[in-house]
């Protein structure tokens, strides 16, 4: 199996509406649903939820 099939690259987009994104990889076997992580948004200057954007 190829590397990109198991751990694809995903964009995490801020829910604060600033348009800020993080780029990361996720394990599709362990997390088949969309990821939601609480990370720092430097534009909003606060920790907000970042949702997976495909």
PDB file of N, CA and C in Angstrom:
ATOM      1  N   UNK A   1       0.838  -1.173   0.000  1.00  0.00           N
ATOM      2  CA  UNK A   1       0.000   0.000   0.000  1.00  0.00           C
ATOM      3  C   UNK A   1       0.890   1.247   0.000  1.00  0.00           C
ATOM      4  N   UNK A   2       0.499   2.233  -0.741  1.00  0.00           N
ATOM      5  CA  UNK A   2       1.295   3.449  -0.846  1.00  0.00           C
ATOM      6  C   UNK A   2       1.184   4.288   0.422  1.00  0.00           C
ATOM      7  N   UNK A   3       2.163   5.123   0.610  1.00  0.00           N
ATOM      8  CA  UNK A   3       2.203   5.954   1.819  1.00  0.00           C
ATOM      9  C   UNK A   3       1.006   6.898   1.891  1.00  0.00           C
ATOM     10  N   UNK A   4       0.605   7.462   0.786  1.00  0.00           N
ATOM     11  CA  UNK A   4      -0.461   8.456   0.804  1.00  0.00           C
ATOM     12  C   UNK A   4      -1.842   7.860   1.047  1.00  0.00           C
ATOM     13  N   UNK A   5      -2.005   6.572   0.845  1.00  0.00           N
ATOM     14  CA  UNK A   5      -3.313   5.955   1.080  1.00  0.00           C
ATOM     15  C   UNK A   5      -3.591   5.784   2.570  1.00  0.00           C
ATOM     16  N   UNK A   6      -2.568   5.451   3.345  1.00  0.00           N
ATOM     17  CA  UNK A   6      -2.758   5.221   4.776  1.00  0.00           C
ATOM     18  C   UNK A   6      -2.777   6.539   5.547  1.00  0.00           C
ATOM     19  N   UNK A   7      -1.820   7.434   5.249  1.00  0.00           N
ATOM     20  CA  UNK A   7      -1.698   8.697   5.978  1.00  0.00           C
ATOM     21  C   UNK A   7      -1.782   9.872   5.005  1.00  0.00           C
ATOM     22  N   UNK A   8      -2.977  10.242   4.594  1.00  0.00           N
ATOM     23  CA  UNK A   8      -3.105  11.348   3.643  1.00  0.00           C
ATOM     24  C   UNK A   8      -2.859  12.710   4.302  1.00  0.00           C
ATOM     25  N   UNK A   9      -2.483  13.674   3.482  1.00  0.00           N
ATOM     26  CA  UNK A   9      -2.302  15.048   3.946  1.00  0.00           C
ATOM     27  C   UNK A   9      -3.674  15.704   4.016  1.00  0.00           C
ATOM     28  N   UNK A  10      -3.963  16.362   5.135  1.00  0.00           N
ATOM     29  CA  UNK A  10      -5.253  17.046   5.305  1.00  0.00           C
ATOM     30  C   UNK A  10      -5.010  18.486   5.722  1.00  0.00           C
ATOM     31  N   UNK A  11      -5.940  19.358   5.355  1.00  0.00           N
ATOM     32  CA  UNK A  11      -5.906  20.759   5.778  1.00  0.00           C
ATOM     33  C   UNK A  11      -6.851  20.916   6.946  1.00  0.00           C
ATOM     34  N   UNK A  12      -6.404  21.645   7.954  1.00  0.00           N
ATOM     35  CA  UNK A  12      -7.255  21.969   9.088  1.00  0.00           C
ATOM     36  C   UNK A  12      -7.578  23.455   8.991  1.00  0.00           C
ATOM     37  N   UNK A  13      -8.840  23.788   8.778  1.00  0.00           N
ATOM     38  CA  UNK A  13      -9.265  25.177   8.585  1.00  0.00           C
ATOM     39  C   UNK A  13      -9.911  25.708   9.859  1.00  0.00           C
ATOM     40  N   UNK A  14      -9.592  26.944  10.202  1.00  0.00           N
ATOM     41  CA  UNK A  14     -10.088  27.581  11.416  1.00  0.00           C
ATOM     42  C   UNK A  14     -11.598  27.797  11.345  1.00  0.00           C
ATOM     43  N   UNK A  15     -12.269  27.558  12.478  1.00  0.00           N
ATOM     44  CA  UNK A  15     -13.711  27.802  12.548  1.00  0.00           C
ATOM     45  C   UNK A  15     -14.006  29.250  12.941  1.00  0.00           C
ATOM     46  N   UNK A  16     -12.947  30.041  13.198  1.00  0.00           N
ATOM     47  CA  UNK A  16     -13.140  31.444  13.567  1.00  0.00           C
ATOM     48  C   UNK A  16     -13.420  32.312  12.347  1.00  0.00           C
ATOM     49  N   UNK A  17     -13.300  31.740  11.157  1.00  0.00           N
ATOM     50  CA  UNK A  17     -13.582  32.496   9.947  1.00  0.00           C
ATOM     51  C   UNK A  17     -12.435  33.357   9.468  1.00  0.00           C
ATOM     52  N   UNK A  18     -11.224  33.117   9.966  1.00  0.00           N
ATOM     53  CA  UNK A  18     -10.075  33.915   9.562  1.00  0.00           C
ATOM     54  C   UNK A  18      -9.419  33.386   8.295  1.00  0.00           C
ATOM     55  N   UNK A  19      -9.708  32.138   7.941  1.00  0.00           N
ATOM     56  CA  UNK A  19      -9.089  31.538   6.762  1.00  0.00           C
ATOM     57  C   UNK A  19      -7.733  30.920   7.044  1.00  0.00           C
ATOM     58  N   UNK A  20      -7.299  30.920   8.289  1.00  0.00           N
ATOM     59  CA  UNK A  20      -6.011  30.340   8.648  1.00  0.00           C
ATOM     60  C   UNK A  20      -6.096  28.819   8.612  1.00  0.00           C
ATOM     61  N   UNK A  21      -5.038  28.156   8.101  1.00  0.00           N
ATOM     62  CA  UNK A  21      -5.047  26.701   7.996  1.00  0.00           C
ATOM     63  C   UNK A  21      -3.748  26.114   8.538  1.00  0.00           C
ATOM     64  N   UNK A  22      -3.848  24.901   9.011  1.00  0.00           N
ATOM     65  CA  UNK A  22      -2.709  24.063   9.339  1.00  0.00           C
ATOM     66  C   UNK A  22      -2.731  22.899   8.368  1.00  0.00           C
ATOM     67  N   UNK A  23      -1.566  22.340   8.049  1.00  0.00           N
ATOM     68  CA  UNK A  23      -1.483  21.169   7.189  1.00  0.00           C
ATOM     69  C   UNK A  23      -0.841  20.061   8.006  1.00  0.00           C
ATOM     70  N   UNK A  24      -1.455  18.876   8.003  1.00  0.00           N
ATOM     71  CA  UNK A  24      -0.942  17.751   8.775  1.00  0.00           C
ATOM     72  C   UNK A  24      -1.305  16.451   8.070  1.00  0.00           C
ATOM     73  N   UNK A  25      -0.866  15.346   8.622  1.00  0.00           N
ATOM     74  CA  UNK A  25      -1.234  14.015   8.131  1.00  0.00           C
ATOM     75  C   UNK A  25      -2.087  13.329   9.184  1.00  0.00           C
ATOM     76  N   UNK A  26      -2.949  12.426   8.733  1.00  0.00           N
ATOM     77  CA  UNK A  26      -3.743  11.667   9.696  1.00  0.00           C
ATOM     78  C   UNK A  26      -3.749  10.206   9.302  1.00  0.00           C
ATOM     79  N   UNK A  27      -3.936   9.355  10.278  1.00  0.00           N
ATOM     80  CA  UNK A  27      -4.020   7.924  10.033  1.00  0.00           C
ATOM     81  C   UNK A  27      -5.476   7.587   9.725  1.00  0.00           C
ATOM     82  N   UNK A  28      -5.735   7.186   8.509  1.00  0.00           N
ATOM     83  CA  UNK A  28      -7.109   6.930   8.075  1.00  0.00           C
ATOM     84  C   UNK A  28      -7.710   5.700   8.771  1.00  0.00           C
ATOM     85  N   UNK A  29      -6.869   4.766   9.182  1.00  0.00           N
ATOM     86  CA  UNK A  29      -7.380   3.570   9.875  1.00  0.00           C
ATOM     87  C   UNK A  29      -7.889   3.906  11.273  1.00  0.00           C
ATOM     88  N   UNK A  30      -7.160   4.758  11.997  1.00  0.00           N
ATOM     89  CA  UNK A  30      -7.545   5.110  13.367  1.00  0.00           C
ATOM     90  C   UNK A  30      -8.600   6.203  13.416  1.00  0.00           C
ATOM     91  N   UNK A  31      -8.586   7.121  12.447  1.00  0.00           N
ATOM     92  CA  UNK A  31      -9.503   8.264  12.427  1.00  0.00           C
ATOM     93  C   UNK A  31     -10.202   8.362  11.076  1.00  0.00           C
ATOM     94  N   UNK A  32     -11.175   7.504  10.808  1.00  0.00           N
ATOM     95  CA  UNK A  32     -11.846   7.562   9.500  1.00  0.00           C
ATOM     96  C   UNK A  32     -12.741   8.798   9.344  1.00  0.00           C
ATOM     97  N   UNK A  33     -13.195   9.378  10.467  1.00  0.00           N
ATOM     98  CA  UNK A  33     -14.042  10.567  10.399  1.00  0.00           C
ATOM     99  C   UNK A  33     -13.178  11.809  10.250  1.00  0.00           C
ATOM    100  N   UNK A  34     -13.828  12.933  10.044  1.00  0.00           N
ATOM    101  CA  UNK A  34     -13.088  14.188   9.909  1.00  0.00           C
ATOM    102  C   UNK A  34     -12.524  14.630  11.248  1.00  0.00           C
ATOM    103  N   UNK A  35     -11.299  15.139  11.223  1.00  0.00           N
ATOM    104  CA  UNK A  35     -10.613  15.551  12.443  1.00  0.00           C
ATOM    105  C   UNK A  35     -11.100  16.922  12.917  1.00  0.00           C
ATOM    106  N   UNK A  36     -11.122  17.105  14.216  1.00  0.00           N
ATOM    107  CA  UNK A  36     -11.363  18.410  14.823  1.00  0.00           C
ATOM    108  C   UNK A  36     -10.328  18.561  15.932  1.00  0.00           C
ATOM    109  N   UNK A  37      -9.431  19.543  15.776  1.00  0.00           N
ATOM    110  CA  UNK A  37      -8.395  19.794  16.776  1.00  0.00           C
ATOM    111  C   UNK A  37      -8.506  21.232  17.267  1.00  0.00           C
ATOM    112  N   UNK A  38      -8.186  21.436  18.525  1.00  0.00           N
ATOM    113  CA  UNK A  38      -8.195  22.784  19.091  1.00  0.00           C
ATOM    114  C   UNK A  38      -6.761  23.299  19.028  1.00  0.00           C
ATOM    115  N   UNK A  39      -6.526  24.299  18.183  1.00  0.00           N
ATOM    116  CA  UNK A  39      -5.191  24.836  17.979  1.00  0.00           C
ATOM    117  C   UNK A  39      -5.236  26.359  18.010  1.00  0.00           C
ATOM    118  N   UNK A  40      -4.055  26.957  18.004  1.00  0.00           N
ATOM    119  CA  UNK A  40      -3.942  28.411  18.095  1.00  0.00           C
ATOM    120  C   UNK A  40      -4.117  29.048  16.721  1.00  0.00           C
ATOM    121  N   UNK A  41      -4.951  30.065  16.648  1.00  0.00           N
ATOM    122  CA  UNK A  41      -5.150  30.848  15.431  1.00  0.00           C
ATOM    123  C   UNK A  41      -4.488  32.207  15.664  1.00  0.00           C
ATOM    124  N   UNK A  42      -3.342  32.477  15.012  1.00  0.00           N
ATOM    125  CA  UNK A  42      -2.638  33.735  15.270  1.00  0.00           C
ATOM    126  C   UNK A  42      -3.391  34.973  14.787  1.00  0.00           C
ATOM    127  N   UNK A  43      -4.276  34.828  13.824  1.00  0.00           N
ATOM    128  CA  UNK A  43      -5.038  35.977  13.339  1.00  0.00           C
ATOM    129  C   UNK A  43      -6.105  36.363  14.364  1.00  0.00           C
ATOM    130  N   UNK A  44      -6.788  35.351  14.924  1.00  0.00           N
ATOM    131  CA  UNK A  44      -7.803  35.605  15.946  1.00  0.00           C
ATOM    132  C   UNK A  44      -7.188  35.776  17.333  1.00  0.00           C
ATOM    133  N   UNK A  45      -5.918  35.411  17.473  1.00  0.00           N
ATOM    134  CA  UNK A  45      -5.183  35.456  18.746  1.00  0.00           C
ATOM    135  C   UNK A  45      -5.892  34.673  19.836  1.00  0.00           C
ATOM    136  N   UNK A  46      -6.341  33.471  19.487  1.00  0.00           N
ATOM    137  CA  UNK A  46      -7.024  32.616  20.459  1.00  0.00           C
ATOM    138  C   UNK A  46      -6.950  31.174  19.991  1.00  0.00           C
ATOM    139  N   UNK A  47      -7.200  30.265  20.913  1.00  0.00           N
ATOM    140  CA  UNK A  47      -7.311  28.859  20.560  1.00  0.00           C
ATOM    141  C   UNK A  47      -8.741  28.607  20.089  1.00  0.00           C
ATOM    142  N   UNK A  48      -8.865  28.028  18.903  1.00  0.00           N
ATOM    143  CA  UNK A  48     -10.180  27.733  18.329  1.00  0.00           C
ATOM    144  C   UNK A  48     -10.151  26.333  17.740  1.00  0.00           C
ATOM    145  N   UNK A  49     -11.324  25.814  17.408  1.00  0.00           N
ATOM    146  CA  UNK A  49     -11.405  24.502  16.768  1.00  0.00           C
ATOM    147  C   UNK A  49     -11.005  24.634  15.306  1.00  0.00           C
ATOM    148  N   UNK A  50     -10.215  23.677  14.857  1.00  0.00           N
ATOM    149  CA  UNK A  50      -9.844  23.581  13.456  1.00  0.00           C
ATOM    150  C   UNK A  50     -10.442  22.291  12.931  1.00  0.00           C
ATOM    151  N   UNK A  51     -11.231  22.382  11.857  1.00  0.00           N
ATOM    152  CA  UNK A  51     -11.894  21.219  11.285  1.00  0.00           C
ATOM    153  C   UNK A  51     -11.216  20.821   9.989  1.00  0.00           C
ATOM    154  N   UNK A  52     -11.236  19.525   9.731  1.00  0.00           N
ATOM    155  CA  UNK A  52     -10.623  19.001   8.529  1.00  0.00           C
ATOM    156  C   UNK A  52     -11.361  19.478   7.288  1.00  0.00           C
ATOM    157  N   UNK A  53     -10.581  19.950   6.328  1.00  0.00           N
ATOM    158  CA  UNK A  53     -11.126  20.437   5.061  1.00  0.00           C
ATOM    159  C   UNK A  53     -10.455  19.644   3.951  1.00  0.00           C
ATOM    160  N   UNK A  54     -11.235  18.916   3.157  1.00  0.00           N
ATOM    161  CA  UNK A  54     -10.626  18.073   2.130  1.00  0.00           C
ATOM    162  C   UNK A  54     -10.574  18.774   0.801  1.00  0.00           C
TER     163      UNK A  54
END
